[in-house]
Amino acid sequence: MILFLNGTSSSGKTSIIKELQESLLPQVFINFSIDSILYGLPNSALQRMITGQDISDLNYSELEISYIKTAATLAEDNLVIMDTAVVDAKLADAVLTLLSPHKLILIGIHCDLEILKQREINRGDRNIGEAEWQFNKVHQHFHYHLSVDTSHTTPAEVAETIKQYLANI
């Protein structure tokens, strides 16, 4: 099974996953975020990404496809929770095609734009404006099994909603 959380930067995906992993025990889900790949890049490349500089040398689109392929392999023998921000049709198609051999649960993570902007500033480790750039793109490509809003709920509350959904499928 793959739980696929899709939402903008700073929408709370990572915090939800941490809560969800603990609440789903004794089932062990591996957290395999796009950040698992990005934090494997050289620090200088990551800093360019965070500060909105040129990253064309990273071939980011192919890096995202490789992330999906790797997750598909990981899910052959493990339960996996993924998170990213799918902002284009090519990546959405890769998600649906490459992950289709597995039980794929698509979860939309929504949040009010003004709250996203404030979270982005508070974090200090994101390209300011990234969440706003993603905002009108990120939910255009999937029909979700479940959608949640993190604007005024805690990660634990959202994790509980997801857990209840999983118990009923």
N, C-alpha and C. Protein backbone atom coordinates (compact mmCIF):
# COMPACT_ATOMS: atom_id res chain seq x y z
N MET A 1 0.85 -1.19 0.00
CA MET A 1 0.00 0.00 0.00
C MET A 1 0.89 1.24 0.00
N ILE A 2 0.45 2.24 -0.75
CA ILE A 2 1.12 3.53 -0.76
C ILE A 2 0.10 4.60 -0.41
N LEU A 3 0.39 5.37 0.63
CA LEU A 3 -0.38 6.57 0.95
C LEU A 3 0.37 7.73 0.31
N PHE A 4 -0.30 8.43 -0.58
CA PHE A 4 0.36 9.50 -1.34
C PHE A 4 -0.27 10.82 -0.95
N LEU A 5 0.48 11.64 -0.18
CA LEU A 5 0.01 12.95 0.25
C LEU A 5 0.50 14.00 -0.73
N ASN A 6 -0.44 14.73 -1.31
CA ASN A 6 -0.12 15.76 -2.28
C ASN A 6 -0.62 17.10 -1.76
N GLY A 7 0.28 18.06 -1.66
CA GLY A 7 -0.08 19.39 -1.20
C GLY A 7 1.08 20.34 -1.38
N THR A 8 0.80 21.61 -1.24
CA THR A 8 1.84 22.61 -1.42
C THR A 8 2.92 22.49 -0.36
N SER A 9 4.02 23.11 -0.64
CA SER A 9 5.06 23.29 0.36
C SER A 9 4.42 23.99 1.57
N SER A 10 4.82 23.58 2.76
CA SER A 10 4.37 24.17 4.03
C SER A 10 2.91 23.88 4.38
N SER A 11 2.31 22.90 3.70
CA SER A 11 0.92 22.54 4.02
C SER A 11 0.83 21.59 5.21
N GLY A 12 1.95 21.06 5.67
CA GLY A 12 1.94 20.20 6.85
C GLY A 12 2.13 18.72 6.57
N LYS A 13 2.50 18.35 5.36
CA LYS A 13 2.60 16.95 4.98
C LYS A 13 3.56 16.17 5.87
N THR A 14 4.74 16.69 6.09
CA THR A 14 5.74 15.97 6.88
C THR A 14 5.28 15.78 8.32
N SER A 15 4.69 16.79 8.91
CA SER A 15 4.20 16.67 10.29
C SER A 15 3.07 15.65 10.38
N ILE A 16 2.21 15.63 9.38
CA ILE A 16 1.12 14.64 9.35
C ILE A 16 1.70 13.23 9.26
N ILE A 17 2.69 13.06 8.39
CA ILE A 17 3.28 11.74 8.21
C ILE A 17 3.89 11.23 9.51
N LYS A 18 4.59 12.07 10.22
CA LYS A 18 5.20 11.64 11.49
C LYS A 18 4.12 11.16 12.47
N GLU A 19 3.03 11.90 12.56
CA GLU A 19 1.92 11.49 13.43
C GLU A 19 1.28 10.20 12.92
N LEU A 20 1.09 10.13 11.63
CA LEU A 20 0.43 8.98 11.03
C LEU A 20 1.25 7.71 11.21
N GLN A 21 2.54 7.79 11.02
CA GLN A 21 3.39 6.61 11.19
C GLN A 21 3.21 6.01 12.58
N GLU A 22 3.21 6.85 13.59
CA GLU A 22 3.06 6.35 14.97
C GLU A 22 1.65 5.81 15.22
N SER A 23 0.64 6.47 14.68
CA SER A 23 -0.74 6.05 14.96
C SER A 23 -1.12 4.78 14.22
N LEU A 24 -0.39 4.42 13.17
CA LEU A 24 -0.70 3.20 12.40
C LEU A 24 0.03 1.97 12.92
N LEU A 25 0.93 2.16 13.90
CA LEU A 25 1.62 1.00 14.46
C LEU A 25 0.59 0.00 14.98
N PRO A 26 0.77 -1.30 14.86
CA PRO A 26 2.03 -1.98 14.56
C PRO A 26 2.38 -2.07 13.08
N GLN A 27 1.51 -1.59 12.19
CA GLN A 27 1.92 -1.52 10.79
C GLN A 27 2.99 -0.45 10.65
N VAL A 28 4.08 -0.80 10.01
CA VAL A 28 5.18 0.14 9.84
C VAL A 28 5.17 0.66 8.41
N PHE A 29 4.93 1.96 8.27
CA PHE A 29 4.98 2.64 6.99
C PHE A 29 6.30 3.40 6.90
N ILE A 30 6.98 3.27 5.78
CA ILE A 30 8.21 4.02 5.54
C ILE A 30 7.86 5.38 4.98
N ASN A 31 8.40 6.43 5.57
CA ASN A 31 8.22 7.79 5.07
C ASN A 31 9.22 8.01 3.95
N PHE A 32 8.70 8.09 2.72
CA PHE A 32 9.57 8.33 1.58
C PHE A 32 9.08 9.58 0.86
N SER A 33 9.58 10.70 1.31
CA SER A 33 9.19 12.01 0.80
C SER A 33 10.13 12.42 -0.33
N ILE A 34 9.67 13.34 -1.16
CA ILE A 34 10.58 13.93 -2.15
C ILE A 34 11.78 14.54 -1.44
N ASP A 35 11.59 14.98 -0.20
CA ASP A 35 12.70 15.53 0.57
C ASP A 35 13.78 14.47 0.83
N SER A 36 13.38 13.18 0.86
CA SER A 36 14.37 12.11 1.02
C SER A 36 15.37 12.15 -0.12
N ILE A 37 14.92 12.54 -1.29
CA ILE A 37 15.79 12.67 -2.45
C ILE A 37 16.52 14.01 -2.44
N LEU A 38 15.77 15.08 -2.19
CA LEU A 38 16.36 16.42 -2.26
C LEU A 38 17.47 16.61 -1.23
N TYR A 39 17.29 16.05 -0.03
CA TYR A 39 18.33 16.23 0.99
C TYR A 39 19.54 15.35 0.72
N GLY A 40 19.47 14.53 -0.32
CA GLY A 40 20.64 13.78 -0.77
C GLY A 40 21.48 14.54 -1.76
N LEU A 41 20.98 15.69 -2.21
CA LEU A 41 21.74 16.54 -3.13
C LEU A 41 22.87 17.24 -2.38
N PRO A 42 23.86 17.70 -3.12
CA PRO A 42 24.89 18.51 -2.48
C PRO A 42 24.26 19.73 -1.80
N ASN A 43 24.80 20.14 -0.67
CA ASN A 43 24.23 21.25 0.08
C ASN A 43 24.13 22.51 -0.77
N SER A 44 25.12 22.75 -1.63
CA SER A 44 25.08 23.95 -2.47
C SER A 44 23.89 23.91 -3.42
N ALA A 45 23.55 22.75 -3.96
CA ALA A 45 22.39 22.62 -4.85
C ALA A 45 21.10 22.83 -4.06
N LEU A 46 21.04 22.26 -2.88
CA LEU A 46 19.85 22.43 -2.03
C LEU A 46 19.67 23.90 -1.66
N GLN A 47 20.73 24.59 -1.35
CA GLN A 47 20.65 26.01 -1.01
C GLN A 47 20.17 26.83 -2.20
N ARG A 48 20.62 26.48 -3.40
CA ARG A 48 20.13 27.18 -4.59
C ARG A 48 18.63 26.97 -4.75
N MET A 49 18.17 25.76 -4.46
CA MET A 49 16.75 25.45 -4.57
C MET A 49 15.95 26.26 -3.54
N ILE A 50 16.42 26.27 -2.30
CA ILE A 50 15.73 26.97 -1.22
C ILE A 50 15.65 28.47 -1.49
N THR A 51 16.68 29.02 -2.08
CA THR A 51 16.72 30.46 -2.30
C THR A 51 16.21 30.88 -3.68
N GLY A 52 15.69 29.93 -4.44
CA GLY A 52 15.07 30.26 -5.72
C GLY A 52 16.04 30.56 -6.84
N GLN A 53 17.27 30.07 -6.71
CA GLN A 53 18.27 30.29 -7.77
C GLN A 53 18.12 29.23 -8.87
N ASP A 54 18.92 29.35 -9.88
CA ASP A 54 18.90 28.43 -11.02
C ASP A 54 19.27 27.01 -10.59
N ILE A 55 18.39 26.06 -10.91
CA ILE A 55 18.66 24.65 -10.63
C ILE A 55 18.51 23.80 -11.89
N SER A 56 18.65 24.44 -13.05
CA SER A 56 18.45 23.71 -14.30
C SER A 56 19.43 22.55 -14.45
N ASP A 57 20.60 22.64 -13.83
CA ASP A 57 21.57 21.55 -13.91
C ASP A 57 21.12 20.30 -13.17
N LEU A 58 20.11 20.42 -12.32
CA LEU A 58 19.63 19.27 -11.55
C LEU A 58 18.64 18.40 -12.32
N ASN A 59 18.13 18.90 -13.46
CA ASN A 59 17.14 18.16 -14.23
C ASN A 59 16.01 17.70 -13.29
N TYR A 60 15.41 18.67 -12.64
CA TYR A 60 14.44 18.41 -11.56
C TYR A 60 13.27 17.54 -12.00
N SER A 61 12.78 17.72 -13.19
CA SER A 61 11.66 16.93 -13.68
C SER A 61 12.00 15.44 -13.70
N GLU A 62 13.18 15.11 -14.17
CA GLU A 62 13.60 13.70 -14.19
C GLU A 62 13.90 13.19 -12.79
N LEU A 63 14.36 14.06 -11.92
CA LEU A 63 14.60 13.69 -10.53
C LEU A 63 13.28 13.28 -9.86
N GLU A 64 12.21 14.02 -10.16
CA GLU A 64 10.89 13.67 -9.62
C GLU A 64 10.41 12.32 -10.15
N ILE A 65 10.61 12.06 -11.42
CA ILE A 65 10.21 10.77 -12.00
C ILE A 65 11.01 9.64 -11.35
N SER A 66 12.29 9.86 -11.12
CA SER A 66 13.11 8.85 -10.44
C SER A 66 12.61 8.59 -9.02
N TYR A 67 12.16 9.63 -8.36
CA TYR A 67 11.57 9.49 -7.02
C TYR A 67 10.36 8.56 -7.07
N ILE A 68 9.49 8.74 -8.06
CA ILE A 68 8.31 7.90 -8.18
C ILE A 68 8.71 6.45 -8.49
N LYS A 69 9.66 6.25 -9.39
CA LYS A 69 10.14 4.91 -9.72
C LYS A 69 10.73 4.21 -8.49
N THR A 70 11.50 4.94 -7.73
CA THR A 70 12.11 4.38 -6.53
C THR A 70 11.04 3.99 -5.51
N ALA A 71 10.04 4.83 -5.36
CA ALA A 71 8.95 4.53 -4.44
C ALA A 71 8.20 3.27 -4.86
N ALA A 72 7.99 3.11 -6.16
CA ALA A 72 7.30 1.91 -6.65
C ALA A 72 8.09 0.66 -6.28
N THR A 73 9.40 0.72 -6.41
CA THR A 73 10.23 -0.42 -6.03
C THR A 73 10.17 -0.66 -4.53
N LEU A 74 10.27 0.39 -3.76
CA LEU A 74 10.21 0.29 -2.30
C LEU A 74 8.90 -0.33 -1.84
N ALA A 75 7.82 0.01 -2.53
CA ALA A 75 6.49 -0.47 -2.14
C ALA A 75 6.25 -1.94 -2.51
N GLU A 76 7.16 -2.54 -3.26
CA GLU A 76 7.00 -3.96 -3.57
C GLU A 76 7.02 -4.82 -2.32
N ASP A 77 7.79 -4.40 -1.31
CA ASP A 77 7.93 -5.20 -0.10
C ASP A 77 7.65 -4.43 1.18
N ASN A 78 7.14 -3.19 1.05
CA ASN A 78 6.94 -2.35 2.23
C ASN A 78 5.68 -1.51 2.08
N LEU A 79 5.18 -1.04 3.22
CA LEU A 79 4.13 -0.03 3.24
C LEU A 79 4.83 1.32 3.18
N VAL A 80 4.33 2.21 2.34
CA VAL A 80 5.03 3.47 2.08
C VAL A 80 4.08 4.64 2.19
N ILE A 81 4.57 5.73 2.79
CA ILE A 81 3.87 7.02 2.76
C ILE A 81 4.76 7.97 1.97
N MET A 82 4.18 8.57 0.94
CA MET A 82 4.92 9.50 0.09
C MET A 82 4.33 10.89 0.25
N ASP A 83 5.17 11.91 0.02
CA ASP A 83 4.62 13.26 -0.07
C ASP A 83 5.44 14.11 -1.00
N THR A 84 4.72 14.91 -1.75
CA THR A 84 5.32 15.86 -2.68
C THR A 84 4.25 16.86 -3.09
N ALA A 85 4.61 17.74 -3.99
CA ALA A 85 3.66 18.68 -4.58
C ALA A 85 3.65 18.43 -6.08
N VAL A 86 2.60 17.79 -6.55
CA VAL A 86 2.48 17.47 -7.98
C VAL A 86 1.86 18.67 -8.67
N VAL A 87 2.67 19.36 -9.48
CA VAL A 87 2.19 20.59 -10.11
C VAL A 87 2.09 20.49 -11.63
N ASP A 88 2.37 19.31 -12.19
CA ASP A 88 2.22 19.19 -13.64
C ASP A 88 1.69 17.81 -14.02
N ALA A 89 1.14 17.74 -15.22
CA ALA A 89 0.49 16.52 -15.71
C ALA A 89 1.49 15.38 -15.90
N LYS A 90 2.72 15.69 -16.31
CA LYS A 90 3.72 14.64 -16.53
C LYS A 90 3.99 13.87 -15.24
N LEU A 91 4.18 14.59 -14.14
CA LEU A 91 4.43 13.92 -12.87
C LEU A 91 3.19 13.19 -12.39
N ALA A 92 2.02 13.78 -12.55
CA ALA A 92 0.77 13.13 -12.14
C ALA A 92 0.59 11.82 -12.90
N ASP A 93 0.86 11.84 -14.20
CA ASP A 93 0.76 10.62 -14.99
C ASP A 93 1.75 9.56 -14.49
N ALA A 94 2.95 9.98 -14.14
CA ALA A 94 3.95 9.03 -13.62
C ALA A 94 3.47 8.42 -12.31
N VAL A 95 2.89 9.24 -11.44
CA VAL A 95 2.36 8.73 -10.17
C VAL A 95 1.32 7.65 -10.45
N LEU A 96 0.35 7.98 -11.29
CA LEU A 96 -0.75 7.05 -11.54
C LEU A 96 -0.29 5.80 -12.29
N THR A 97 0.64 5.94 -13.20
CA THR A 97 1.12 4.80 -13.99
C THR A 97 2.08 3.92 -13.20
N LEU A 98 3.10 4.53 -12.63
CA LEU A 98 4.16 3.75 -11.98
C LEU A 98 3.73 3.17 -10.64
N LEU A 99 2.78 3.83 -9.98
CA LEU A 99 2.35 3.33 -8.67
C LEU A 99 1.09 2.49 -8.75
N SER A 100 0.51 2.36 -9.94
CA SER A 100 -0.76 1.63 -10.09
C SER A 100 -0.70 0.15 -9.73
N PRO A 101 0.45 -0.52 -9.79
CA PRO A 101 0.45 -1.92 -9.35
C PRO A 101 0.20 -2.10 -7.85
N HIS A 102 0.27 -1.00 -7.11
CA HIS A 102 0.09 -1.04 -5.66
C HIS A 102 -1.26 -0.45 -5.28
N LYS A 103 -1.71 -0.75 -4.08
CA LYS A 103 -2.91 -0.10 -3.58
C LYS A 103 -2.52 1.34 -3.26
N LEU A 104 -2.94 2.26 -4.13
CA LEU A 104 -2.55 3.66 -4.03
C LEU A 104 -3.70 4.47 -3.48
N ILE A 105 -3.46 5.13 -2.35
CA ILE A 105 -4.45 5.99 -1.72
C ILE A 105 -3.98 7.44 -1.89
N LEU A 106 -4.71 8.21 -2.67
CA LEU A 106 -4.36 9.61 -2.94
C LEU A 106 -5.04 10.51 -1.91
N ILE A 107 -4.24 11.29 -1.22
CA ILE A 107 -4.75 12.17 -0.16
C ILE A 107 -4.34 13.61 -0.48
N GLY A 108 -5.33 14.47 -0.64
CA GLY A 108 -5.08 15.88 -0.91
C GLY A 108 -4.93 16.65 0.39
N ILE A 109 -3.83 17.36 0.52
CA ILE A 109 -3.55 18.17 1.72
C ILE A 109 -3.75 19.63 1.32
N HIS A 110 -4.82 20.23 1.82
CA HIS A 110 -5.19 21.61 1.48
C HIS A 110 -4.89 22.53 2.66
N CYS A 111 -4.70 23.80 2.36
CA CYS A 111 -4.47 24.80 3.39
C CYS A 111 -4.72 26.17 2.78
N ASP A 112 -5.25 27.10 3.58
CA ASP A 112 -5.49 28.47 3.11
C ASP A 112 -4.17 29.12 2.71
N LEU A 113 -4.21 29.90 1.64
CA LEU A 113 -3.00 30.51 1.11
C LEU A 113 -2.31 31.43 2.12
N GLU A 114 -3.06 32.24 2.83
CA GLU A 114 -2.41 33.16 3.79
C GLU A 114 -1.70 32.40 4.90
N ILE A 115 -2.25 31.28 5.31
CA ILE A 115 -1.60 30.46 6.34
C ILE A 115 -0.34 29.83 5.76
N LEU A 116 -0.41 29.36 4.52
CA LEU A 116 0.78 28.80 3.86
C LEU A 116 1.91 29.82 3.81
N LYS A 117 1.57 31.04 3.42
CA LYS A 117 2.59 32.09 3.32
C LYS A 117 3.27 32.33 4.67
N GLN A 118 2.47 32.38 5.73
CA GLN A 118 3.04 32.62 7.05
C GLN A 118 3.91 31.44 7.50
N ARG A 119 3.44 30.22 7.25
CA ARG A 119 4.24 29.04 7.61
C ARG A 119 5.57 29.05 6.86
N GLU A 120 5.53 29.41 5.61
CA GLU A 120 6.74 29.45 4.79
C GLU A 120 7.77 30.42 5.38
N ILE A 121 7.31 31.58 5.80
CA ILE A 121 8.18 32.57 6.43
C ILE A 121 8.73 32.04 7.75
N ASN A 122 7.86 31.44 8.55
CA ASN A 122 8.26 30.93 9.86
C ASN A 122 9.29 29.80 9.76
N ARG A 123 9.17 28.98 8.72
CA ARG A 123 10.07 27.83 8.58
C ARG A 123 11.51 28.25 8.31
N GLY A 124 11.69 29.17 7.39
CA GLY A 124 13.03 29.64 7.08
C GLY A 124 13.85 28.70 6.21
N ASP A 125 13.29 27.57 5.81
CA ASP A 125 14.06 26.64 4.97
C ASP A 125 13.37 26.38 3.64
N ARG A 126 12.55 27.31 3.21
CA ARG A 126 11.83 27.17 1.95
C ARG A 126 11.99 28.44 1.12
N ASN A 127 11.90 28.26 -0.17
CA ASN A 127 11.93 29.37 -1.11
C ASN A 127 10.64 30.18 -0.91
N ILE A 128 10.76 31.40 -0.44
CA ILE A 128 9.58 32.24 -0.20
C ILE A 128 8.85 32.45 -1.53
N GLY A 129 7.56 32.15 -1.51
CA GLY A 129 6.74 32.25 -2.71
C GLY A 129 6.45 30.91 -3.35
N GLU A 130 7.15 29.86 -2.93
CA GLU A 130 6.95 28.54 -3.51
C GLU A 130 5.53 28.02 -3.28
N ALA A 131 5.04 28.13 -2.06
CA ALA A 131 3.69 27.65 -1.76
C ALA A 131 2.64 28.41 -2.58
N GLU A 132 2.83 29.72 -2.71
CA GLU A 132 1.88 30.50 -3.51
C GLU A 132 1.95 30.10 -4.98
N TRP A 133 3.15 29.85 -5.49
CA TRP A 133 3.31 29.41 -6.88
C TRP A 133 2.61 28.06 -7.11
N GLN A 134 2.70 27.17 -6.13
CA GLN A 134 2.11 25.84 -6.25
C GLN A 134 0.60 25.83 -6.01
N PHE A 135 0.10 26.82 -5.30
CA PHE A 135 -1.25 26.82 -4.76
C PHE A 135 -2.34 26.46 -5.79
N ASN A 136 -2.34 27.10 -6.93
CA ASN A 136 -3.40 26.84 -7.92
C ASN A 136 -3.06 25.70 -8.87
N LYS A 137 -1.93 25.06 -8.69
CA LYS A 137 -1.50 23.97 -9.57
C LYS A 137 -1.60 22.60 -8.92
N VAL A 138 -1.36 22.55 -7.61
CA VAL A 138 -1.09 21.28 -6.94
C VAL A 138 -2.28 20.32 -6.90
N HIS A 139 -3.48 20.81 -6.92
CA HIS A 139 -4.64 19.91 -6.82
C HIS A 139 -5.40 19.75 -8.13
N GLN A 140 -4.75 20.04 -9.24
CA GLN A 140 -5.40 19.99 -10.55
C GLN A 140 -5.37 18.62 -11.22
N HIS A 141 -4.56 17.70 -10.72
CA HIS A 141 -4.28 16.50 -11.50
C HIS A 141 -4.82 15.19 -10.91
N PHE A 142 -5.39 15.22 -9.74
CA PHE A 142 -5.86 13.99 -9.11
C PHE A 142 -7.30 14.11 -8.64
N HIS A 143 -7.97 12.97 -8.61
CA HIS A 143 -9.24 12.81 -7.90
C HIS A 143 -8.87 12.04 -6.64
N TYR A 144 -8.97 12.69 -5.50
CA TYR A 144 -8.48 12.12 -4.25
C TYR A 144 -9.45 11.12 -3.64
N HIS A 145 -8.88 10.16 -2.95
CA HIS A 145 -9.68 9.26 -2.12
C HIS A 145 -10.14 10.00 -0.87
N LEU A 146 -9.30 10.91 -0.40
CA LEU A 146 -9.58 11.69 0.81
C LEU A 146 -8.90 13.05 0.67
N SER A 147 -9.60 14.10 1.09
CA SER A 147 -9.01 15.45 1.16
C SER A 147 -9.14 15.95 2.58
N VAL A 148 -8.09 16.61 3.05
CA VAL A 148 -8.08 17.19 4.38
C VAL A 148 -7.59 18.62 4.29
N ASP A 149 -7.96 19.44 5.26
CA ASP A 149 -7.53 20.84 5.31
C ASP A 149 -6.74 21.05 6.59
N THR A 150 -5.53 21.55 6.44
CA THR A 150 -4.65 21.74 7.59
C THR A 150 -4.64 23.17 8.11
N SER A 151 -5.53 23.99 7.59
CA SER A 151 -5.54 25.40 7.98
C SER A 151 -5.74 25.59 9.48
N HIS A 152 -6.65 24.83 10.05
CA HIS A 152 -7.00 25.02 11.46
C HIS A 152 -7.07 23.70 12.21
N THR A 153 -6.35 22.69 11.73
CA THR A 153 -6.31 21.40 12.42
C THR A 153 -4.86 21.03 12.69
N THR A 154 -4.65 20.25 13.72
CA THR A 154 -3.30 19.82 14.06
C THR A 154 -2.91 18.62 13.21
N PRO A 155 -1.62 18.38 13.07
CA PRO A 155 -1.20 17.17 12.36
C PRO A 155 -1.78 15.89 12.98
N ALA A 156 -1.90 15.86 14.30
CA ALA A 156 -2.47 14.67 14.95
C ALA A 156 -3.94 14.49 14.56
N GLU A 157 -4.69 15.57 14.47
CA GLU A 157 -6.10 15.48 14.06
C GLU A 157 -6.23 14.99 12.63
N VAL A 158 -5.38 15.50 11.76
CA VAL A 158 -5.42 15.08 10.36
C VAL A 158 -5.00 13.62 10.25
N ALA A 159 -3.97 13.22 10.98
CA ALA A 159 -3.54 11.82 10.97
C ALA A 159 -4.67 10.91 11.43
N GLU A 160 -5.41 11.33 12.43
CA GLU A 160 -6.54 10.53 12.91
C GLU A 160 -7.63 10.40 11.85
N THR A 161 -7.89 11.48 11.11
CA THR A 161 -8.86 11.43 10.02
C THR A 161 -8.42 10.42 8.96
N ILE A 162 -7.15 10.45 8.62
CA ILE A 162 -6.62 9.51 7.62
C ILE A 162 -6.70 8.08 8.15
N LYS A 163 -6.34 7.89 9.40
CA LYS A 163 -6.40 6.56 10.01
C LYS A 163 -7.83 6.02 9.99
N GLN A 164 -8.80 6.86 10.31
CA GLN A 164 -10.21 6.43 10.27
C GLN A 164 -10.62 6.07 8.85
N TYR A 165 -10.19 6.85 7.88
CA TYR A 165 -10.49 6.54 6.48
C TYR A 165 -9.94 5.16 6.12
N LEU A 166 -8.69 4.90 6.49
CA LEU A 166 -8.05 3.62 6.16
C LEU A 166 -8.76 2.45 6.82
N ALA A 167 -9.28 2.68 8.01
CA ALA A 167 -9.98 1.60 8.71
C ALA A 167 -11.29 1.22 8.02
N ASN A 168 -11.81 2.12 7.21
CA ASN A 168 -13.10 1.88 6.56
C ASN A 168 -13.02 1.50 5.09
N ILE A 169 -11.80 1.26 4.61
CA ILE A 169 -11.70 0.85 3.19
C ILE A 169 -11.41 -0.63 3.08
